Amino acid sequence: MHVPDKREREVARRYFAPFIGIFKDCGSVLELASGQGYFLDMLKEAGINATGLELDNGLCETAVQRRLNIINKDIFEFLKEAEPGKYDGCFASHIVEHMLPVQVEEMLGLLYKALNPGSPLVIITPNMANIRRSTGDFWRDPSHVRPYPVSALSKLLKRQGWEMVDSGEHSDRPPSIRRKLVYGLRNLLLGRYWAGDDVYVVAKKPS
């Protein structure tokens, strides 16, 4: 079983920190594929009630030991059985790239039923405009099915009734001034291929 070190936890907390505020007014947040449970930890610290879904038995056991509310179940099975309107927020980091478009659209439809009107949904996925991601990092994971740029996610969300609120690029930390200059020069010469590691979208179920 993977045991995270201190640095990994610090990077994860820095990565997730900008998204905590989106759920500040939520009473019951659902996190899909919660992994090590870092986002659940941060929601708990912020006083936000949250439930995580995770298929890996070992990760679930570790999260339970930390007294996190986590359910060891397949996402689709869980959402099909979920009580309508039980949750008022959802966070899905690095999960859609493991699915086909038809599966993503099905998941978004099930989430639409499980969340209350006005609920926020945050999705994070690798940014293929980043040349490092597109030429190496993304395809090293054999479970990755396909990338999802913001434009594709937006279309799938709108088909299921979601409203787009925000979108952008995201990394665990902003680049240094020196790196910004280097990236700017590369983009000028080669095209815009030195971008944020990931992209995010924030959507909302209409009130």
C-alpha atoms as a PDB file:
ATOM      1  CA  MET A   1       0.000   0.000   0.000  1.00  0.00           C
ATOM      2  CA  HIS A   2       1.274   3.464  -0.879  1.00  0.00           C
ATOM      3  CA  VAL A   3       2.196   5.525   2.169  1.00  0.00           C
ATOM      4  CA  PRO A   4       2.339   9.250   1.312  1.00  0.00           C
ATOM      5  CA  ASP A   5       5.258  11.273   2.614  1.00  0.00           C
ATOM      6  CA  LYS A   6       5.130  14.763   4.083  1.00  0.00           C
ATOM      7  CA  ARG A   7       6.054  16.470   0.796  1.00  0.00           C
ATOM      8  CA  GLU A   8       3.279  14.691  -1.094  1.00  0.00           C
ATOM      9  CA  ARG A   9       0.739  15.891   1.461  1.00  0.00           C
ATOM     10  CA  GLU A  10       2.057  19.449   1.256  1.00  0.00           C
ATOM     11  CA  VAL A  11       1.861  19.476  -2.547  1.00  0.00           C
ATOM     12  CA  ALA A  12      -1.678  18.079  -2.471  1.00  0.00           C
ATOM     13  CA  ARG A  13      -2.842  20.655   0.063  1.00  0.00           C
ATOM     14  CA  ARG A  14      -1.322  23.478  -1.971  1.00  0.00           C
ATOM     15  CA  TYR A  15      -2.951  22.081  -5.114  1.00  0.00           C
ATOM     16  CA  PHE A  16      -6.437  21.774  -3.598  1.00  0.00           C
ATOM     17  CA  ALA A  17      -6.458  24.954  -1.505  1.00  0.00           C
ATOM     18  CA  PRO A  18      -7.939  27.295  -4.191  1.00  0.00           C
ATOM     19  CA  PHE A  19     -11.061  25.129  -4.492  1.00  0.00           C
ATOM     20  CA  ILE A  20     -12.082  24.864  -0.844  1.00  0.00           C
ATOM     21  CA  GLY A  21     -13.841  28.243  -0.869  1.00  0.00           C
ATOM     22  CA  ILE A  22     -16.225  27.127  -3.626  1.00  0.00           C
ATOM     23  CA  PHE A  23     -17.854  24.778  -1.117  1.00  0.00           C
ATOM     24  CA  LYS A  24     -17.905  27.102   1.918  1.00  0.00           C
ATOM     25  CA  ASP A  25     -21.717  27.350   1.920  1.00  0.00           C
ATOM     26  CA  CYS A  26     -22.318  23.643   1.277  1.00  0.00           C
ATOM     27  CA  GLY A  27     -23.753  21.325   3.887  1.00  0.00           C
ATOM     28  CA  SER A  28     -22.889  18.018   2.227  1.00  0.00           C
ATOM     29  CA  VAL A  29     -20.156  17.694  -0.410  1.00  0.00           C
ATOM     30  CA  LEU A  30     -19.457  14.571  -2.452  1.00  0.00           C
ATOM     31  CA  GLU A  31     -15.929  13.875  -3.694  1.00  0.00           C
ATOM     32  CA  LEU A  32     -15.494  11.362  -6.503  1.00  0.00           C
ATOM     33  CA  ALA A  33     -12.368   9.179  -6.483  1.00  0.00           C
ATOM     34  CA  SER A  34     -11.054  10.725  -3.265  1.00  0.00           C
ATOM     35  CA  GLY A  35      -7.736   8.832  -3.352  1.00  0.00           C
ATOM     36  CA  GLN A  36      -5.567   9.614  -0.337  1.00  0.00           C
ATOM     37  CA  GLY A  37      -8.336  11.784   1.110  1.00  0.00           C
ATOM     38  CA  TYR A  38      -6.405  15.052   1.155  1.00  0.00           C
ATOM     39  CA  PHE A  39      -9.338  17.110  -0.124  1.00  0.00           C
ATOM     40  CA  LEU A  40     -11.622  15.461   2.426  1.00  0.00           C
ATOM     41  CA  ASP A  41      -9.116  16.401   5.139  1.00  0.00           C
ATOM     42  CA  MET A  42      -9.205  20.028   4.054  1.00  0.00           C
ATOM     43  CA  LEU A  43     -13.002  20.161   3.864  1.00  0.00           C
ATOM     44  CA  LYS A  44     -13.195  18.665   7.348  1.00  0.00           C
ATOM     45  CA  GLU A  45     -10.767  21.275   8.676  1.00  0.00           C
ATOM     46  CA  ALA A  46     -12.944  23.981   7.090  1.00  0.00           C
ATOM     47  CA  GLY A  47     -16.002  22.635   8.898  1.00  0.00           C
ATOM     48  CA  ILE A  48     -17.622  21.339   5.713  1.00  0.00           C
ATOM     49  CA  ASN A  49     -19.365  17.980   5.854  1.00  0.00           C
ATOM     50  CA  ALA A  50     -18.119  15.721   3.047  1.00  0.00           C
ATOM     51  CA  THR A  51     -18.305  12.165   1.784  1.00  0.00           C
ATOM     52  CA  GLY A  52     -15.697  10.544  -0.434  1.00  0.00           C
ATOM     53  CA  LEU A  53     -16.102   7.762  -2.983  1.00  0.00           C
ATOM     54  CA  GLU A  54     -13.100   5.524  -3.612  1.00  0.00           C
ATOM     55  CA  LEU A  55     -12.817   2.105  -5.258  1.00  0.00           C
ATOM     56  CA  ASP A  56      -9.391   1.205  -3.847  1.00  0.00           C
ATOM     57  CA  ASN A  57      -9.786  -0.829  -0.634  1.00  0.00           C
ATOM     58  CA  GLY A  58      -6.409   0.168   0.785  1.00  0.00           C
ATOM     59  CA  LEU A  59      -7.008   3.884   0.299  1.00  0.00           C
ATOM     60  CA  CYS A  60     -10.419   3.566   1.938  1.00  0.00           C
ATOM     61  CA  GLU A  61      -8.944   1.817   4.971  1.00  0.00           C
ATOM     62  CA  THR A  62      -6.341   4.562   5.372  1.00  0.00           C
ATOM     63  CA  ALA A  63      -8.990   7.271   5.117  1.00  0.00           C
ATOM     64  CA  VAL A  64     -11.229   5.557   7.669  1.00  0.00           C
ATOM     65  CA  GLN A  65      -8.296   5.389  10.083  1.00  0.00           C
ATOM     66  CA  ARG A  66      -8.096   9.187   9.782  1.00  0.00           C
ATOM     67  CA  ARG A  67     -11.812   9.334  10.606  1.00  0.00           C
ATOM     68  CA  LEU A  68     -12.836  10.525   7.166  1.00  0.00           C
ATOM     69  CA  ASN A  69     -16.264   9.706   5.779  1.00  0.00           C
ATOM     70  CA  ILE A  70     -15.492   7.522   2.773  1.00  0.00           C
ATOM     71  CA  ILE A  71     -17.451   4.870   0.881  1.00  0.00           C
ATOM     72  CA  ASN A  72     -15.785   1.974  -0.934  1.00  0.00           C
ATOM     73  CA  LYS A  73     -18.002   1.756  -4.015  1.00  0.00           C
ATOM     74  CA  ASP A  74     -18.090   2.246  -7.773  1.00  0.00           C
ATOM     75  CA  ILE A  75     -19.098   5.797  -8.770  1.00  0.00           C
ATOM     76  CA  PHE A  76     -21.905   4.723 -11.116  1.00  0.00           C
ATOM     77  CA  GLU A  77     -23.362   2.175  -8.710  1.00  0.00           C
ATOM     78  CA  PHE A  78     -23.366   4.735  -5.910  1.00  0.00           C
ATOM     79  CA  LEU A  79     -24.899   7.570  -7.940  1.00  0.00           C
ATOM     80  CA  LYS A  80     -27.664   5.370  -9.346  1.00  0.00           C
ATOM     81  CA  GLU A  81     -28.718   4.558  -5.791  1.00  0.00           C
ATOM     82  CA  ALA A  82     -28.197   8.059  -4.364  1.00  0.00           C
ATOM     83  CA  GLU A  83     -31.181   9.918  -2.960  1.00  0.00           C
ATOM     84  CA  PRO A  84     -32.111  12.847  -5.256  1.00  0.00           C
ATOM     85  CA  GLY A  85     -30.847  16.166  -3.922  1.00  0.00           C
ATOM     86  CA  LYS A  86     -28.838  14.568  -1.104  1.00  0.00           C
ATOM     87  CA  TYR A  87     -25.701  16.626  -1.834  1.00  0.00           C
ATOM     88  CA  ASP A  88     -25.124  20.306  -2.493  1.00  0.00           C
ATOM     89  CA  GLY A  89     -21.628  20.198  -3.975  1.00  0.00           C
ATOM     90  CA  CYS A  90     -19.301  17.808  -5.831  1.00  0.00           C
ATOM     91  CA  PHE A  91     -15.551  17.695  -6.445  1.00  0.00           C
ATOM     92  CA  ALA A  92     -14.077  15.431  -9.139  1.00  0.00           C
ATOM     93  CA  SER A  93     -10.313  15.684  -9.550  1.00  0.00           C
ATOM     94  CA  HIS A  94      -8.539  13.559 -12.176  1.00  0.00           C
ATOM     95  CA  ILE A  95     -11.310  11.091 -12.861  1.00  0.00           C
ATOM     96  CA  VAL A  96     -12.938  12.030 -16.199  1.00  0.00           C
ATOM     97  CA  GLU A  97      -9.786  11.200 -18.185  1.00  0.00           C
ATOM     98  CA  HIS A  98     -10.301   7.569 -17.128  1.00  0.00           C
ATOM     99  CA  MET A  99     -13.703   7.491 -18.887  1.00  0.00           C
ATOM    100  CA  LEU A 100     -15.161   7.500 -22.367  1.00  0.00           C
ATOM    101  CA  PRO A 101     -17.322  10.516 -23.296  1.00  0.00           C
ATOM    102  CA  VAL A 102     -20.511   8.460 -22.957  1.00  0.00           C
ATOM    103  CA  GLN A 103     -19.480   7.523 -19.417  1.00  0.00           C
ATOM    104  CA  VAL A 104     -18.632  11.113 -18.495  1.00  0.00           C
ATOM    105  CA  GLU A 105     -22.006  12.260 -19.781  1.00  0.00           C
ATOM    106  CA  GLU A 106     -23.778   9.522 -17.835  1.00  0.00           C
ATOM    107  CA  MET A 107     -21.920  10.515 -14.672  1.00  0.00           C
ATOM    108  CA  LEU A 108     -22.841  14.184 -15.140  1.00  0.00           C
ATOM    109  CA  GLY A 109     -26.485  13.216 -15.577  1.00  0.00           C
ATOM    110  CA  LEU A 110     -26.466  11.121 -12.402  1.00  0.00           C
ATOM    111  CA  LEU A 111     -24.752  13.935 -10.479  1.00  0.00           C
ATOM    112  CA  TYR A 112     -27.396  16.370 -11.718  1.00  0.00           C
ATOM    113  CA  LYS A 113     -30.045  14.230 -10.018  1.00  0.00           C
ATOM    114  CA  ALA A 114     -28.020  13.691  -6.835  1.00  0.00           C
ATOM    115  CA  LEU A 115     -27.250  17.392  -6.264  1.00  0.00           C
ATOM    116  CA  ASN A 116     -29.578  20.170  -5.114  1.00  0.00           C
ATOM    117  CA  PRO A 117     -30.340  23.175  -7.345  1.00  0.00           C
ATOM    118  CA  GLY A 118     -27.587  25.772  -7.063  1.00  0.00           C
ATOM    119  CA  SER A 119     -24.953  23.162  -6.203  1.00  0.00           C
ATOM    120  CA  PRO A 120     -21.405  23.666  -7.533  1.00  0.00           C
ATOM    121  CA  LEU A 121     -19.500  20.979  -9.422  1.00  0.00           C
ATOM    122  CA  VAL A 122     -15.728  21.205  -9.866  1.00  0.00           C
ATOM    123  CA  ILE A 123     -13.882  19.007 -12.378  1.00  0.00           C
ATOM    124  CA  ILE A 124     -10.079  18.955 -12.758  1.00  0.00           C
ATOM    125  CA  THR A 125      -8.251  17.084 -15.512  1.00  0.00           C
ATOM    126  CA  PRO A 126      -4.837  17.182 -17.259  1.00  0.00           C
ATOM    127  CA  ASN A 127      -4.184  20.095 -19.611  1.00  0.00           C
ATOM    128  CA  MET A 128      -3.177  18.835 -23.041  1.00  0.00           C
ATOM    129  CA  ALA A 129      -2.065  22.336 -24.047  1.00  0.00           C
ATOM    130  CA  ASN A 130       0.897  21.637 -21.777  1.00  0.00           C
ATOM    131  CA  ILE A 131       3.464  19.920 -23.987  1.00  0.00           C
ATOM    132  CA  ARG A 132       4.892  17.888 -21.109  1.00  0.00           C
ATOM    133  CA  ARG A 133       1.439  16.498 -20.387  1.00  0.00           C
ATOM    134  CA  SER A 134       0.512  15.789 -23.990  1.00  0.00           C
ATOM    135  CA  THR A 135       3.792  14.149 -25.039  1.00  0.00           C
ATOM    136  CA  GLY A 136       4.540  12.096 -21.939  1.00  0.00           C
ATOM    137  CA  ASP A 137       2.851  12.422 -18.564  1.00  0.00           C
ATOM    138  CA  PHE A 138      -0.709  11.764 -19.690  1.00  0.00           C
ATOM    139  CA  TRP A 139       0.014   8.591 -21.626  1.00  0.00           C
ATOM    140  CA  ARG A 140       2.217   7.000 -18.969  1.00  0.00           C
ATOM    141  CA  ASP A 141      -0.934   6.013 -17.091  1.00  0.00           C
ATOM    142  CA  PRO A 142      -2.435   3.039 -18.973  1.00  0.00           C
ATOM    143  CA  SER A 143      -5.835   3.691 -17.364  1.00  0.00           C
ATOM    144  CA  HIS A 144      -6.135   7.090 -19.097  1.00  0.00           C
ATOM    145  CA  VAL A 145      -8.723   6.820 -21.884  1.00  0.00           C
ATOM    146  CA  ARG A 146      -8.686  10.290 -23.462  1.00  0.00           C
ATOM    147  CA  PRO A 147      -8.074  13.940 -22.558  1.00  0.00           C
ATOM    148  CA  TYR A 148     -10.889  16.438 -21.984  1.00  0.00           C
ATOM    149  CA  PRO A 149     -10.184  20.085 -22.830  1.00  0.00           C
ATOM    150  CA  VAL A 150     -12.483  22.699 -21.318  1.00  0.00           C
ATOM    151  CA  SER A 151     -14.435  22.966 -24.582  1.00  0.00           C
ATOM    152  CA  ALA A 152     -15.319  19.249 -24.479  1.00  0.00           C
ATOM    153  CA  LEU A 153     -16.273  19.317 -20.801  1.00  0.00           C
ATOM    154  CA  SER A 154     -18.430  22.385 -21.401  1.00  0.00           C
ATOM    155  CA  LYS A 155     -20.411  20.611 -24.139  1.00  0.00           C
ATOM    156  CA  LEU A 156     -20.955  17.501 -22.012  1.00  0.00           C
ATOM    157  CA  LEU A 157     -22.018  19.580 -19.019  1.00  0.00           C
ATOM    158  CA  LYS A 158     -24.494  21.680 -20.989  1.00  0.00           C
ATOM    159  CA  ARG A 159     -26.073  18.576 -22.516  1.00  0.00           C
ATOM    160  CA  GLN A 160     -26.976  17.445 -18.998  1.00  0.00           C
ATOM    161  CA  GLY A 161     -28.358  20.815 -17.929  1.00  0.00           C
ATOM    162  CA  TRP A 162     -25.368  22.251 -16.061  1.00  0.00           C
ATOM    163  CA  GLU A 163     -24.443  25.934 -16.249  1.00  0.00           C
ATOM    164  CA  MET A 164     -20.794  26.868 -16.743  1.00  0.00           C
ATOM    165  CA  VAL A 165     -19.519  29.245 -14.057  1.00  0.00           C
ATOM    166  CA  ASP A 166     -15.741  29.347 -14.480  1.00  0.00           C
ATOM    167  CA  SER A 167     -12.799  27.573 -16.080  1.00  0.00           C
ATOM    168  CA  GLY A 168      -9.049  27.950 -16.304  1.00  0.00           C
ATOM    169  CA  GLU A 169      -5.611  26.414 -15.935  1.00  0.00           C
ATOM    170  CA  HIS A 170      -4.259  25.110 -12.663  1.00  0.00           C
ATOM    171  CA  SER A 171      -0.962  23.920 -11.190  1.00  0.00           C
ATOM    172  CA  ASP A 172       0.138  23.124  -7.660  1.00  0.00           C
ATOM    173  CA  ARG A 173       2.055  26.406  -7.557  1.00  0.00           C
ATOM    174  CA  PRO A 174       2.402  29.466  -9.814  1.00  0.00           C
ATOM    175  CA  PRO A 175       5.615  29.519 -11.904  1.00  0.00           C
ATOM    176  CA  SER A 176       8.508  31.698 -10.794  1.00  0.00           C
ATOM    177  CA  ILE A 177       9.267  34.954 -12.623  1.00  0.00           C
ATOM    178  CA  ARG A 178      12.192  33.251 -14.374  1.00  0.00           C
ATOM    179  CA  ARG A 179      10.024  30.336 -15.489  1.00  0.00           C
ATOM    180  CA  LYS A 180       7.303  32.704 -16.695  1.00  0.00           C
ATOM    181  CA  LEU A 181       9.870  34.443 -18.900  1.00  0.00           C
ATOM    182  CA  VAL A 182      11.191  31.133 -20.255  1.00  0.00           C
ATOM    183  CA  TYR A 183       7.658  29.828 -20.927  1.00  0.00           C
ATOM    184  CA  GLY A 184       6.703  33.124 -22.560  1.00  0.00           C
ATOM    185  CA  LEU A 185       9.661  32.910 -24.937  1.00  0.00           C
ATOM    186  CA  ARG A 186       8.916  29.277 -25.796  1.00  0.00           C
ATOM    187  CA  ASN A 187       5.264  30.102 -26.444  1.00  0.00           C
ATOM    188  CA  LEU A 188       6.284  32.980 -28.683  1.00  0.00           C
ATOM    189  CA  LEU A 189       8.599  30.779 -30.737  1.00  0.00           C
ATOM    190  CA  LEU A 190       6.765  27.445 -30.711  1.00  0.00           C
ATOM    191  CA  GLY A 191       3.129  28.231 -29.958  1.00  0.00           C
ATOM    192  CA  ARG A 192       1.247  28.076 -26.695  1.00  0.00           C
ATOM    193  CA  TYR A 193       2.485  24.748 -25.353  1.00  0.00           C
ATOM    194  CA  TRP A 194       3.871  25.754 -21.951  1.00  0.00           C
ATOM    195  CA  ALA A 195       0.674  26.132 -19.999  1.00  0.00           C
ATOM    196  CA  GLY A 196      -0.689  25.078 -16.605  1.00  0.00           C
ATOM    197  CA  ASP A 197      -0.445  21.390 -15.748  1.00  0.00           C
ATOM    198  CA  ASP A 198      -4.207  20.943 -15.492  1.00  0.00           C
ATOM    199  CA  VAL A 199      -7.502  22.598 -16.399  1.00  0.00           C
ATOM    200  CA  TYR A 200     -10.575  23.013 -14.240  1.00  0.00           C
ATOM    201  CA  VAL A 201     -14.217  23.819 -14.797  1.00  0.00           C
ATOM    202  CA  VAL A 202     -16.734  25.037 -12.250  1.00  0.00           C
ATOM    203  CA  ALA A 203     -20.346  24.343 -13.144  1.00  0.00           C
ATOM    204  CA  LYS A 204     -23.617  24.849 -11.286  1.00  0.00           C
ATOM    205  CA  LYS A 205     -26.962  23.103 -11.272  1.00  0.00           C
ATOM    206  CA  PRO A 206     -29.458  25.866 -12.091  1.00  0.00           C
ATOM    207  CA  SER A 207     -31.539  27.098  -9.155  1.00  0.00           C
END
